[in-house]
Amino acid sequence: MFSRMSITKSTGSYSDNIRRLREALDSAEAIVIGAGSGLSTAAGLTYTGDRFQRYFSDFADKYGFRDMYSGGFYPFPSPEEFWAYWSRYIFINRYMDAPEPVYNYLLSLVHDKDYFVITTNVDHCFQKAGFDKKRLFYTQGDYGLLQCSEPCCRETFDNEDTIRQMIERQEGMRIPSELVPVCPHCGKPLTANLRADDKFVEDEGWHRAAERYENFLRTRGNQRTLFLELGVGYNTPAIIKYPFRHMTAQNKAATYACINYGEAVCPTEIEKQSICIDEDISKVLTALVIA
C-alpha cells in the first residue's frame, strides 16, 4: 500500500528536523536501525572513482570496467584471475576499516539504548564499529564468508586467512592455483556468501539472527519505537523500507525517520509520524552527536 503513495518530505527546516530526530532518539524505548548501501557510502566505502583506481587500476586497464561492482560480474577467464580480483574486493571492503567513522558516530547515538540493526550491507561495518553482534541481522550475506557454489550444504566458511593469503601471494592479477577455494564436502568451487539467486546459503547463524530480530519486533510492538532508516534505496524495499513504514502505521507511538540523500520520502499515511532528511548521512549523524 505504501509503495504507491510516497511523497517527498520537504516540510520543516534542516535544524528543526535534527532537533526532532534528537528528541526521538532520546525518548525512544526501542530503536530499530535499517541500513542500506548509502550508509557505507557515507563512511567512504565507495566503489567508483579514486578508491576504485587506487586498488583496481590494473584490472581496469586490462578488462575495461570502471567500478568494483561491474568487476564483480566480469567473466574472468580463470578462477585464479577471478579470485585475484575478488580477494582484493573482499579485503578492502570487509577487512580494511572504513575511511570515515560514520558507524562509530551511529553507535555513540544508540549504545545505551534498546536497539536492533537490520541491514542489507555485507561489509561487516557494524561489528567492526563495536555494535553488539547479537543485535545485528545481515540479511544479504557477508563478504567474510564463503559457501559452496552448488550448494551441497547449508554451511558457510570464514575466509579471512584465505583472503589474506590470496592478497599476499597474487602476481600478475592471478593467485596460485592451490589457493582457489573448494568446498570441503563436495569439491565444487566456493563462492562469496552473497544473496544473488536461490543458491544463497542461509546458515545457522543467519537463522538465529533472523529469529532474534523477529523476537525484538514482536516484544516491542507497542513501545515508543524509532524506526531509523539510513541510506536505503528501492532495490530491495521489501526488506527494510516497506516493513518500517508498515510497522510505524501500526504503532501510533512510533516514529519513522528516513535519512537518504535524494530519496528522503515517506507515505502520506504516516507523514505526521515521520522525519525525512534529504542530506548526507555523515553530516546528519555528526550533527546529532553534537546536538
C-alpha atoms as a PDB file:
ATOM      1  CA  MET A   1       0.000   0.000   0.000  1.00  0.00           C
ATOM      2  CA  PHE A   2       2.835   2.420   0.790  1.00  0.00           C
ATOM      3  CA  SER A   3       4.806   1.832  -2.394  1.00  0.00           C
ATOM      4  CA  ARG A   4       2.425   3.939  -4.497  1.00  0.00           C
ATOM      5  CA  MET A   5       1.731   6.869  -2.176  1.00  0.00           C
ATOM      6  CA  SER A   6       5.135   8.206  -1.159  1.00  0.00           C
ATOM      7  CA  ILE A   7       5.743  11.926  -1.137  1.00  0.00           C
ATOM      8  CA  THR A   8       8.910  13.912  -0.625  1.00  0.00           C
ATOM      9  CA  LYS A   9       9.082  15.087   2.958  1.00  0.00           C
ATOM     10  CA  SER A  10      10.251  18.634   2.377  1.00  0.00           C
ATOM     11  CA  THR A  11       8.493  20.453   5.214  1.00  0.00           C
ATOM     12  CA  GLY A  12      10.498  21.748   8.132  1.00  0.00           C
ATOM     13  CA  SER A  13      13.989  23.184   8.176  1.00  0.00           C
ATOM     14  CA  TYR A  14      17.104  21.072   8.469  1.00  0.00           C
ATOM     15  CA  SER A  15      17.757  22.328  12.007  1.00  0.00           C
ATOM     16  CA  ASP A  16      14.168  21.587  13.056  1.00  0.00           C
ATOM     17  CA  ASN A  17      14.418  18.057  11.703  1.00  0.00           C
ATOM     18  CA  ILE A  18      17.722  17.472  13.511  1.00  0.00           C
ATOM     19  CA  ARG A  19      16.084  18.664  16.728  1.00  0.00           C
ATOM     20  CA  ARG A  20      13.074  16.389  16.201  1.00  0.00           C
ATOM     21  CA  LEU A  21      15.269  13.398  15.456  1.00  0.00           C
ATOM     22  CA  ARG A  22      17.444  14.074  18.501  1.00  0.00           C
ATOM     23  CA  GLU A  23      14.286  14.164  20.632  1.00  0.00           C
ATOM     24  CA  ALA A  24      13.053  10.931  19.047  1.00  0.00           C
ATOM     25  CA  LEU A  25      16.367   9.238  19.829  1.00  0.00           C
ATOM     26  CA  ASP A  26      16.285  10.436  23.424  1.00  0.00           C
ATOM     27  CA  SER A  27      12.684   9.439  24.080  1.00  0.00           C
ATOM     28  CA  ALA A  28      12.625   6.121  22.214  1.00  0.00           C
ATOM     29  CA  GLU A  29      12.120   2.985  24.260  1.00  0.00           C
ATOM     30  CA  ALA A  30      13.365   0.922  21.320  1.00  0.00           C
ATOM     31  CA  ILE A  31      15.317   1.785  18.173  1.00  0.00           C
ATOM     32  CA  VAL A  32      15.278  -0.309  15.017  1.00  0.00           C
ATOM     33  CA  ILE A  33      18.034   0.681  12.601  1.00  0.00           C
ATOM     34  CA  GLY A  34      17.635  -0.237   8.951  1.00  0.00           C
ATOM     35  CA  ALA A  35      20.802   0.325   6.961  1.00  0.00           C
ATOM     36  CA  GLY A  36      21.370   0.271   3.221  1.00  0.00           C
ATOM     37  CA  SER A  37      24.319   0.922   0.963  1.00  0.00           C
ATOM     38  CA  GLY A  38      24.014   4.678   1.435  1.00  0.00           C
ATOM     39  CA  LEU A  39      25.309   4.347   4.986  1.00  0.00           C
ATOM     40  CA  SER A  40      28.527   2.661   3.873  1.00  0.00           C
ATOM     41  CA  THR A  41      28.895   5.155   1.035  1.00  0.00           C
ATOM     42  CA  ALA A  42      28.751   7.923   3.638  1.00  0.00           C
ATOM     43  CA  ALA A  43      31.504   6.070   5.519  1.00  0.00           C
ATOM     44  CA  GLY A  44      33.709   6.282   2.434  1.00  0.00           C
ATOM     45  CA  LEU A  45      33.229   2.747   1.111  1.00  0.00           C
ATOM     46  CA  THR A  46      32.744   3.926  -2.446  1.00  0.00           C
ATOM     47  CA  TYR A  47      33.013   1.508  -5.367  1.00  0.00           C
ATOM     48  CA  THR A  48      33.972   4.034  -8.045  1.00  0.00           C
ATOM     49  CA  GLY A  49      36.345   6.919  -8.623  1.00  0.00           C
ATOM     50  CA  ASP A  50      39.648   7.322  -6.801  1.00  0.00           C
ATOM     51  CA  ARG A  51      39.099   4.354  -4.486  1.00  0.00           C
ATOM     52  CA  PHE A  52      38.487   2.035  -7.422  1.00  0.00           C
ATOM     53  CA  GLN A  53      41.522   3.345  -9.291  1.00  0.00           C
ATOM     54  CA  ARG A  54      43.732   3.005  -6.220  1.00  0.00           C
ATOM     55  CA  TYR A  55      43.086  -0.713  -5.853  1.00  0.00           C
ATOM     56  CA  PHE A  56      41.997  -1.907  -9.315  1.00  0.00           C
ATOM     57  CA  SER A  57      43.703   0.221 -11.951  1.00  0.00           C
ATOM     58  CA  ASP A  58      45.453  -2.863 -13.359  1.00  0.00           C
ATOM     59  CA  PHE A  59      42.143  -4.708 -13.763  1.00  0.00           C
ATOM     60  CA  ALA A  60      40.530  -1.592 -15.238  1.00  0.00           C
ATOM     61  CA  ASP A  61      43.308  -1.251 -17.802  1.00  0.00           C
ATOM     62  CA  LYS A  62      43.154  -4.918 -18.811  1.00  0.00           C
ATOM     63  CA  TYR A  63      39.406  -5.595 -18.755  1.00  0.00           C
ATOM     64  CA  GLY A  64      37.848  -2.167 -19.258  1.00  0.00           C
ATOM     65  CA  PHE A  65      35.383  -1.985 -16.372  1.00  0.00           C
ATOM     66  CA  ARG A  66      35.331   1.231 -14.343  1.00  0.00           C
ATOM     67  CA  ASP A  67      33.848   0.320 -10.965  1.00  0.00           C
ATOM     68  CA  MET A  68      34.113  -2.510  -8.443  1.00  0.00           C
ATOM     69  CA  TYR A  69      30.528  -3.601  -8.832  1.00  0.00           C
ATOM     70  CA  SER A  70      30.860  -4.201 -12.568  1.00  0.00           C
ATOM     71  CA  GLY A  71      34.094  -6.073 -11.985  1.00  0.00           C
ATOM     72  CA  GLY A  72      32.282  -8.436  -9.667  1.00  0.00           C
ATOM     73  CA  PHE A  73      30.251  -9.717 -12.632  1.00  0.00           C
ATOM     74  CA  TYR A  74      33.098  -9.865 -15.137  1.00  0.00           C
ATOM     75  CA  PRO A  75      33.597 -13.327 -16.741  1.00  0.00           C
ATOM     76  CA  PHE A  76      37.251 -13.768 -15.846  1.00  0.00           C
ATOM     77  CA  PRO A  77      38.988 -16.437 -17.945  1.00  0.00           C
ATOM     78  CA  SER A  78      40.250 -18.440 -14.978  1.00  0.00           C
ATOM     79  CA  PRO A  79      39.491 -18.985 -11.277  1.00  0.00           C
ATOM     80  CA  GLU A  80      42.974 -17.706 -10.485  1.00  0.00           C
ATOM     81  CA  GLU A  81      42.135 -14.322 -12.018  1.00  0.00           C
ATOM     82  CA  PHE A  82      38.624 -14.349 -10.571  1.00  0.00           C
ATOM     83  CA  TRP A  83      39.979 -14.757  -7.044  1.00  0.00           C
ATOM     84  CA  ALA A  84      42.773 -12.245  -7.570  1.00  0.00           C
ATOM     85  CA  TYR A  85      40.036  -9.696  -8.205  1.00  0.00           C
ATOM     86  CA  TRP A  86      37.634 -10.895  -5.531  1.00  0.00           C
ATOM     87  CA  SER A  87      40.282 -11.222  -2.827  1.00  0.00           C
ATOM     88  CA  ARG A  88      41.137  -7.540  -3.249  1.00  0.00           C
ATOM     89  CA  TYR A  89      37.445  -6.662  -3.421  1.00  0.00           C
ATOM     90  CA  ILE A  90      36.688  -8.525  -0.202  1.00  0.00           C
ATOM     91  CA  PHE A  91      39.814  -7.348   1.582  1.00  0.00           C
ATOM     92  CA  ILE A  92      39.297  -3.611   1.098  1.00  0.00           C
ATOM     93  CA  ASN A  93      35.540  -3.717   1.711  1.00  0.00           C
ATOM     94  CA  ARG A  94      35.482  -6.206   4.598  1.00  0.00           C
ATOM     95  CA  TYR A  95      38.821  -6.304   6.387  1.00  0.00           C
ATOM     96  CA  MET A  96      40.049  -2.727   5.989  1.00  0.00           C
ATOM     97  CA  ASP A  97      38.455  -0.046   8.165  1.00  0.00           C
ATOM     98  CA  ALA A  98      36.041   2.376   6.558  1.00  0.00           C
ATOM     99  CA  PRO A  99      37.685   5.723   5.717  1.00  0.00           C
ATOM    100  CA  GLU A 100      35.169   7.733   7.766  1.00  0.00           C
ATOM    101  CA  PRO A 101      33.924   6.954  11.319  1.00  0.00           C
ATOM    102  CA  VAL A 102      30.223   7.150  10.413  1.00  0.00           C
ATOM    103  CA  TYR A 103      29.385   3.806  12.031  1.00  0.00           C
ATOM    104  CA  ASN A 104      31.154   4.910  15.217  1.00  0.00           C
ATOM    105  CA  TYR A 105      29.020   8.060  15.299  1.00  0.00           C
ATOM    106  CA  LEU A 106      25.905   5.934  14.926  1.00  0.00           C
ATOM    107  CA  LEU A 107      26.954   3.623  17.759  1.00  0.00           C
ATOM    108  CA  SER A 108      27.552   6.595  20.054  1.00  0.00           C
ATOM    109  CA  LEU A 109      23.923   7.612  19.495  1.00  0.00           C
ATOM    110  CA  VAL A 110      22.386   4.234  20.384  1.00  0.00           C
ATOM    111  CA  HIS A 111      24.901   2.308  22.520  1.00  0.00           C
ATOM    112  CA  ASP A 112      22.902   2.832  25.715  1.00  0.00           C
ATOM    113  CA  LYS A 113      19.512   2.231  24.066  1.00  0.00           C
ATOM    114  CA  ASP A 114      17.493  -0.899  23.352  1.00  0.00           C
ATOM    115  CA  TYR A 115      18.375  -1.254  19.680  1.00  0.00           C
ATOM    116  CA  PHE A 116      18.475  -3.766  16.852  1.00  0.00           C
ATOM    117  CA  VAL A 117      20.002  -3.464  13.386  1.00  0.00           C
ATOM    118  CA  ILE A 118      18.791  -4.985  10.133  1.00  0.00           C
ATOM    119  CA  THR A 119      20.987  -4.316   7.131  1.00  0.00           C
ATOM    120  CA  THR A 120      21.381  -5.286   3.509  1.00  0.00           C
ATOM    121  CA  ASN A 121      25.052  -4.304   3.695  1.00  0.00           C
ATOM    122  CA  VAL A 122      27.605  -7.114   3.632  1.00  0.00           C
ATOM    123  CA  ASP A 123      30.746  -5.253   4.718  1.00  0.00           C
ATOM    124  CA  HIS A 124      30.587  -6.039   8.460  1.00  0.00           C
ATOM    125  CA  CYS A 125      30.997  -2.372   9.424  1.00  0.00           C
ATOM    126  CA  PHE A 126      28.549  -2.588  12.317  1.00  0.00           C
ATOM    127  CA  GLN A 127      30.530  -5.241  14.149  1.00  0.00           C
ATOM    128  CA  LYS A 128      33.856  -3.568  13.412  1.00  0.00           C
ATOM    129  CA  ALA A 129      32.486  -0.374  14.977  1.00  0.00           C
ATOM    130  CA  GLY A 130      31.522  -2.232  18.154  1.00  0.00           C
ATOM    131  CA  PHE A 131      27.814  -2.954  17.738  1.00  0.00           C
ATOM    132  CA  ASP A 132      26.604  -5.991  19.687  1.00  0.00           C
ATOM    133  CA  LYS A 133      26.680  -8.900  17.219  1.00  0.00           C
ATOM    134  CA  LYS A 134      23.566 -10.363  18.856  1.00  0.00           C
ATOM    135  CA  ARG A 135      21.674  -7.228  17.815  1.00  0.00           C
ATOM    136  CA  LEU A 136      22.608  -7.474  14.123  1.00  0.00           C
ATOM    137  CA  PHE A 137      20.869  -9.177  11.220  1.00  0.00           C
ATOM    138  CA  TYR A 138      22.801  -9.239   7.943  1.00  0.00           C
ATOM    139  CA  THR A 139      20.058 -10.303   5.562  1.00  0.00           C
ATOM    140  CA  GLN A 140      22.073 -10.446   2.340  1.00  0.00           C
ATOM    141  CA  GLY A 141      25.242 -12.218   3.457  1.00  0.00           C
ATOM    142  CA  ASP A 142      28.764 -11.285   4.483  1.00  0.00           C
ATOM    143  CA  TYR A 143      31.909 -10.646   2.443  1.00  0.00           C
ATOM    144  CA  GLY A 144      33.745 -12.518   5.199  1.00  0.00           C
ATOM    145  CA  LEU A 145      32.030 -15.828   4.448  1.00  0.00           C
ATOM    146  CA  LEU A 146      32.270 -18.357   1.628  1.00  0.00           C
ATOM    147  CA  GLN A 147      29.752 -21.013   0.660  1.00  0.00           C
ATOM    148  CA  CYS A 148      29.531 -23.947  -1.710  1.00  0.00           C
ATOM    149  CA  SER A 149      28.518 -22.752  -5.185  1.00  0.00           C
ATOM    150  CA  GLU A 150      26.232 -25.779  -5.657  1.00  0.00           C
ATOM    151  CA  PRO A 151      25.361 -25.542  -2.726  1.00  0.00           C
ATOM    152  CA  CYS A 152      25.703 -29.041  -1.331  1.00  0.00           C
ATOM    153  CA  CYS A 153      25.227 -27.916   2.291  1.00  0.00           C
ATOM    154  CA  ARG A 154      23.793 -25.082   4.370  1.00  0.00           C
ATOM    155  CA  GLU A 155      27.191 -24.195   5.781  1.00  0.00           C
ATOM    156  CA  THR A 156      29.426 -21.145   5.457  1.00  0.00           C
ATOM    157  CA  PHE A 157      33.173 -20.800   5.924  1.00  0.00           C
ATOM    158  CA  ASP A 158      35.204 -17.908   7.355  1.00  0.00           C
ATOM    159  CA  ASN A 159      37.542 -16.588   4.687  1.00  0.00           C
ATOM    160  CA  GLU A 160      39.911 -14.110   6.357  1.00  0.00           C
ATOM    161  CA  ASP A 161      43.022 -16.322   6.345  1.00  0.00           C
ATOM    162  CA  THR A 162      42.355 -17.430   2.770  1.00  0.00           C
ATOM    163  CA  ILE A 163      41.745 -13.894   1.533  1.00  0.00           C
ATOM    164  CA  ARG A 164      44.893 -12.583   3.191  1.00  0.00           C
ATOM    165  CA  GLN A 165      46.947 -15.331   1.577  1.00  0.00           C
ATOM    166  CA  MET A 166      45.449 -14.503  -1.811  1.00  0.00           C
ATOM    167  CA  ILE A 167      46.372 -10.838  -1.328  1.00  0.00           C
ATOM    168  CA  GLU A 168      49.930 -11.609  -0.277  1.00  0.00           C
ATOM    169  CA  ARG A 169      50.675 -14.197  -2.947  1.00  0.00           C
ATOM    170  CA  GLN A 170      48.945 -12.904  -6.073  1.00  0.00           C
ATOM    171  CA  GLU A 171      51.088 -11.830  -9.008  1.00  0.00           C
ATOM    172  CA  GLY A 172      50.077 -10.551 -12.427  1.00  0.00           C
ATOM    173  CA  MET A 173      46.413 -10.450 -11.393  1.00  0.00           C
ATOM    174  CA  ARG A 174      46.420 -14.165 -10.569  1.00  0.00           C
ATOM    175  CA  ILE A 175      46.553 -16.184  -7.365  1.00  0.00           C
ATOM    176  CA  PRO A 176      48.373 -19.515  -7.049  1.00  0.00           C
ATOM    177  CA  SER A 177      46.140 -22.382  -8.168  1.00  0.00           C
ATOM    178  CA  GLU A 178      46.416 -24.110  -4.815  1.00  0.00           C
ATOM    179  CA  LEU A 179      44.637 -21.157  -3.161  1.00  0.00           C
ATOM    180  CA  VAL A 180      41.479 -21.463  -5.297  1.00  0.00           C
ATOM    181  CA  PRO A 181      38.865 -22.378  -2.638  1.00  0.00           C
ATOM    182  CA  VAL A 182      36.752 -25.512  -3.000  1.00  0.00           C
ATOM    183  CA  CYS A 183      34.009 -26.995  -0.854  1.00  0.00           C
ATOM    184  CA  PRO A 184      35.448 -29.426   1.724  1.00  0.00           C
ATOM    185  CA  HIS A 185      32.378 -31.642   1.324  1.00  0.00           C
ATOM    186  CA  CYS A 186      31.862 -31.971  -2.441  1.00  0.00           C
ATOM    187  CA  GLY A 187      34.902 -30.344  -4.061  1.00  0.00           C
ATOM    188  CA  LYS A 188      32.855 -27.799  -6.051  1.00  0.00           C
ATOM    189  CA  PRO A 189      34.113 -24.185  -6.156  1.00  0.00           C
ATOM    190  CA  LEU A 190      33.387 -21.985  -3.172  1.00  0.00           C
ATOM    191  CA  THR A 191      31.884 -18.555  -3.755  1.00  0.00           C
ATOM    192  CA  ALA A 192      31.118 -15.494  -1.654  1.00  0.00           C
ATOM    193  CA  ASN A 193      28.119 -15.791   0.660  1.00  0.00           C
ATOM    194  CA  LEU A 194      26.145 -13.010  -1.040  1.00  0.00           C
ATOM    195  CA  ARG A 195      22.476 -13.150  -1.967  1.00  0.00           C
ATOM    196  CA  ALA A 196      22.346 -13.121  -5.751  1.00  0.00           C
ATOM    197  CA  ASP A 197      19.985 -16.006  -6.545  1.00  0.00           C
ATOM    198  CA  ASP A 198      18.276 -19.005  -4.969  1.00  0.00           C
ATOM    199  CA  LYS A 199      21.660 -20.591  -4.213  1.00  0.00           C
ATOM    200  CA  PHE A 200      22.350 -18.170  -1.359  1.00  0.00           C
ATOM    201  CA  VAL A 201      23.063 -20.117   1.836  1.00  0.00           C
ATOM    202  CA  GLU A 202      21.139 -19.025   4.912  1.00  0.00           C
ATOM    203  CA  ASP A 203      23.240 -20.812   7.514  1.00  0.00           C
ATOM    204  CA  GLU A 204      22.552 -21.458  11.185  1.00  0.00           C
ATOM    205  CA  GLY A 205      23.919 -18.044  12.171  1.00  0.00           C
ATOM    206  CA  TRP A 206      21.650 -16.325   9.642  1.00  0.00           C
ATOM    207  CA  HIS A 207      18.574 -18.064  11.039  1.00  0.00           C
ATOM    208  CA  ARG A 208      19.499 -17.283  14.653  1.00  0.00           C
ATOM    209  CA  ALA A 209      19.870 -13.593  13.754  1.00  0.00           C
ATOM    210  CA  ALA A 210      16.535 -13.609  11.920  1.00  0.00           C
ATOM    211  CA  GLU A 211      14.854 -15.124  14.954  1.00  0.00           C
ATOM    212  CA  ARG A 212      16.381 -12.535  17.289  1.00  0.00           C
ATOM    213  CA  TYR A 213      15.201  -9.737  15.005  1.00  0.00           C
ATOM    214  CA  GLU A 214      11.660 -11.096  14.802  1.00  0.00           C
ATOM    215  CA  ASN A 215      11.586 -11.526  18.582  1.00  0.00           C
ATOM    216  CA  PHE A 216      12.786  -7.935  19.088  1.00  0.00           C
ATOM    217  CA  LEU A 217       9.996  -6.580  16.903  1.00  0.00           C
ATOM    218  CA  ARG A 218       7.366  -8.816  18.489  1.00  0.00           C
ATOM    219  CA  THR A 219       8.220  -7.842  22.063  1.00  0.00           C
ATOM    220  CA  ARG A 220       8.451  -4.079  21.409  1.00  0.00           C
ATOM    221  CA  GLY A 221       5.300  -3.756  19.343  1.00  0.00           C
ATOM    222  CA  ASN A 222       3.563  -1.060  21.400  1.00  0.00           C
ATOM    223  CA  GLN A 223       6.585   0.841  22.682  1.00  0.00           C
ATOM    224  CA  ARG A 224       7.829   4.264  21.621  1.00  0.00           C
ATOM    225  CA  THR A 225       9.881   2.865  18.772  1.00  0.00           C
ATOM    226  CA  LEU A 226      12.120   4.807  16.404  1.00  0.00           C
ATOM    227  CA  PHE A 227      12.480   3.164  13.003  1.00  0.00           C
ATOM    228  CA  LEU A 228      15.701   4.767  11.786  1.00  0.00           C
ATOM    229  CA  GLU A 229      16.238   4.137   8.067  1.00  0.00           C
ATOM    230  CA  LEU A 230      19.690   5.074   6.778  1.00  0.00           C
ATOM    231  CA  GLY A 231      20.641   5.075   3.110  1.00  0.00           C
ATOM    232  CA  VAL A 232      18.062   2.521   1.996  1.00  0.00           C
ATOM    233  CA  GLY A 233      17.092   2.690  -1.664  1.00  0.00           C
ATOM    234  CA  TYR A 234      14.492   0.913  -3.746  1.00  0.00           C
ATOM    235  CA  ASN A 235      16.486  -2.108  -4.924  1.00  0.00           C
ATOM    236  CA  THR A 236      15.093  -4.293  -2.129  1.00  0.00           C
ATOM    237  CA  PRO A 237      12.456  -2.123  -0.384  1.00  0.00           C
ATOM    238  CA  ALA A 238      10.568  -5.140   0.982  1.00  0.00           C
ATOM    239  CA  ILE A 239      13.400  -5.917   3.428  1.00  0.00           C
ATOM    240  CA  ILE A 240      13.595  -2.617   5.329  1.00  0.00           C
ATOM    241  CA  LYS A 241      11.723   0.323   3.818  1.00  0.00           C
ATOM    242  CA  TYR A 242       8.199  -1.065   3.423  1.00  0.00           C
ATOM    243  CA  PRO A 243       8.193  -3.026   6.716  1.00  0.00           C
ATOM    244  CA  PHE A 244       9.422   0.056   8.624  1.00  0.00           C
ATOM    245  CA  ARG A 245       6.622   2.145   7.156  1.00  0.00           C
ATOM    246  CA  HIS A 246       4.033  -0.531   7.856  1.00  0.00           C
ATOM    247  CA  MET A 247       5.152  -1.006  11.468  1.00  0.00           C
ATOM    248  CA  THR A 248       5.065   2.760  12.008  1.00  0.00           C
ATOM    249  CA  ALA A 249       1.494   2.896  10.738  1.00  0.00           C
ATOM    250  CA  GLN A 250       0.537   0.072  13.106  1.00  0.00           C
ATOM    251  CA  ASN A 251       2.023   1.815  16.163  1.00  0.00           C
ATOM    252  CA  LYS A 252       0.889   5.384  16.819  1.00  0.00           C
ATOM    253  CA  ALA A 253       3.710   5.795  19.345  1.00  0.00           C
ATOM    254  CA  ALA A 254       6.322   5.040  16.665  1.00  0.00           C
ATOM    255  CA  THR A 255       8.433   7.423  14.617  1.00  0.00           C
ATOM    256  CA  TYR A 256       9.765   6.747  11.133  1.00  0.00           C
ATOM    257  CA  ALA A 257      12.989   8.587  10.292  1.00  0.00           C
ATOM    258  CA  CYS A 258      14.399   8.420   6.777  1.00  0.00           C
ATOM    259  CA  ILE A 259      17.840   9.874   6.105  1.00  0.00           C
ATOM    260  CA  ASN A 260      18.755   9.500   2.472  1.00  0.00           C
ATOM    261  CA  TYR A 261      20.414  11.967   0.133  1.00  0.00           C
ATOM    262  CA  GLY A 262      17.987  12.444  -2.745  1.00  0.00           C
ATOM    263  CA  GLU A 263      15.425   9.861  -1.596  1.00  0.00           C
ATOM    264  CA  ALA A 264      14.104  11.082   1.756  1.00  0.00           C
ATOM    265  CA  VAL A 265      10.398  10.340   1.378  1.00  0.00           C
ATOM    266  CA  CYS A 266       7.512   8.955   3.381  1.00  0.00           C
ATOM    267  CA  PRO A 267       3.908   7.887   2.724  1.00  0.00           C
ATOM    268  CA  THR A 268       1.135  10.388   3.359  1.00  0.00           C
ATOM    269  CA  GLU A 269      -0.429   7.924   5.833  1.00  0.00           C
ATOM    270  CA  ILE A 270       2.455   8.340   8.294  1.00  0.00           C
ATOM    271  CA  GLU A 271       3.587  11.862   7.443  1.00  0.00           C
ATOM    272  CA  LYS A 272       2.834  13.182  10.926  1.00  0.00           C
ATOM    273  CA  GLN A 273       4.930  10.385  12.455  1.00  0.00           C
ATOM    274  CA  SER A 274       7.837  10.861  10.053  1.00  0.00           C
ATOM    275  CA  ILE A 275      11.099  12.774   9.937  1.00  0.00           C
ATOM    276  CA  CYS A 276      12.700  12.807   6.479  1.00  0.00           C
ATOM    277  CA  ILE A 277      16.089  14.420   5.981  1.00  0.00           C
ATOM    278  CA  ASP A 278      17.428  14.822   2.451  1.00  0.00           C
ATOM    279  CA  GLU A 279      21.079  15.183   3.333  1.00  0.00           C
ATOM    280  CA  ASP A 280      24.396  13.337   3.570  1.00  0.00           C
ATOM    281  CA  ILE A 281      24.174  10.754   6.364  1.00  0.00           C
ATOM    282  CA  SER A 282      27.599  11.640   7.735  1.00  0.00           C
ATOM    283  CA  LYS A 283      26.574  15.280   8.138  1.00  0.00           C
ATOM    284  CA  VAL A 284      23.334  14.306   9.877  1.00  0.00           C
ATOM    285  CA  LEU A 285      24.946  11.845  12.303  1.00  0.00           C
ATOM    286  CA  THR A 286      27.670  14.349  13.155  1.00  0.00           C
ATOM    287  CA  ALA A 287      25.008  16.974  13.903  1.00  0.00           C
ATOM    288  CA  LEU A 288      23.123  14.517  16.106  1.00  0.00           C
ATOM    289  CA  VAL A 289      26.253  13.618  18.053  1.00  0.00           C
ATOM    290  CA  ILE A 290      26.956  17.243  18.924  1.00  0.00           C
ATOM    291  CA  ALA A 291      23.305  18.301  19.313  1.00  0.00           C
END
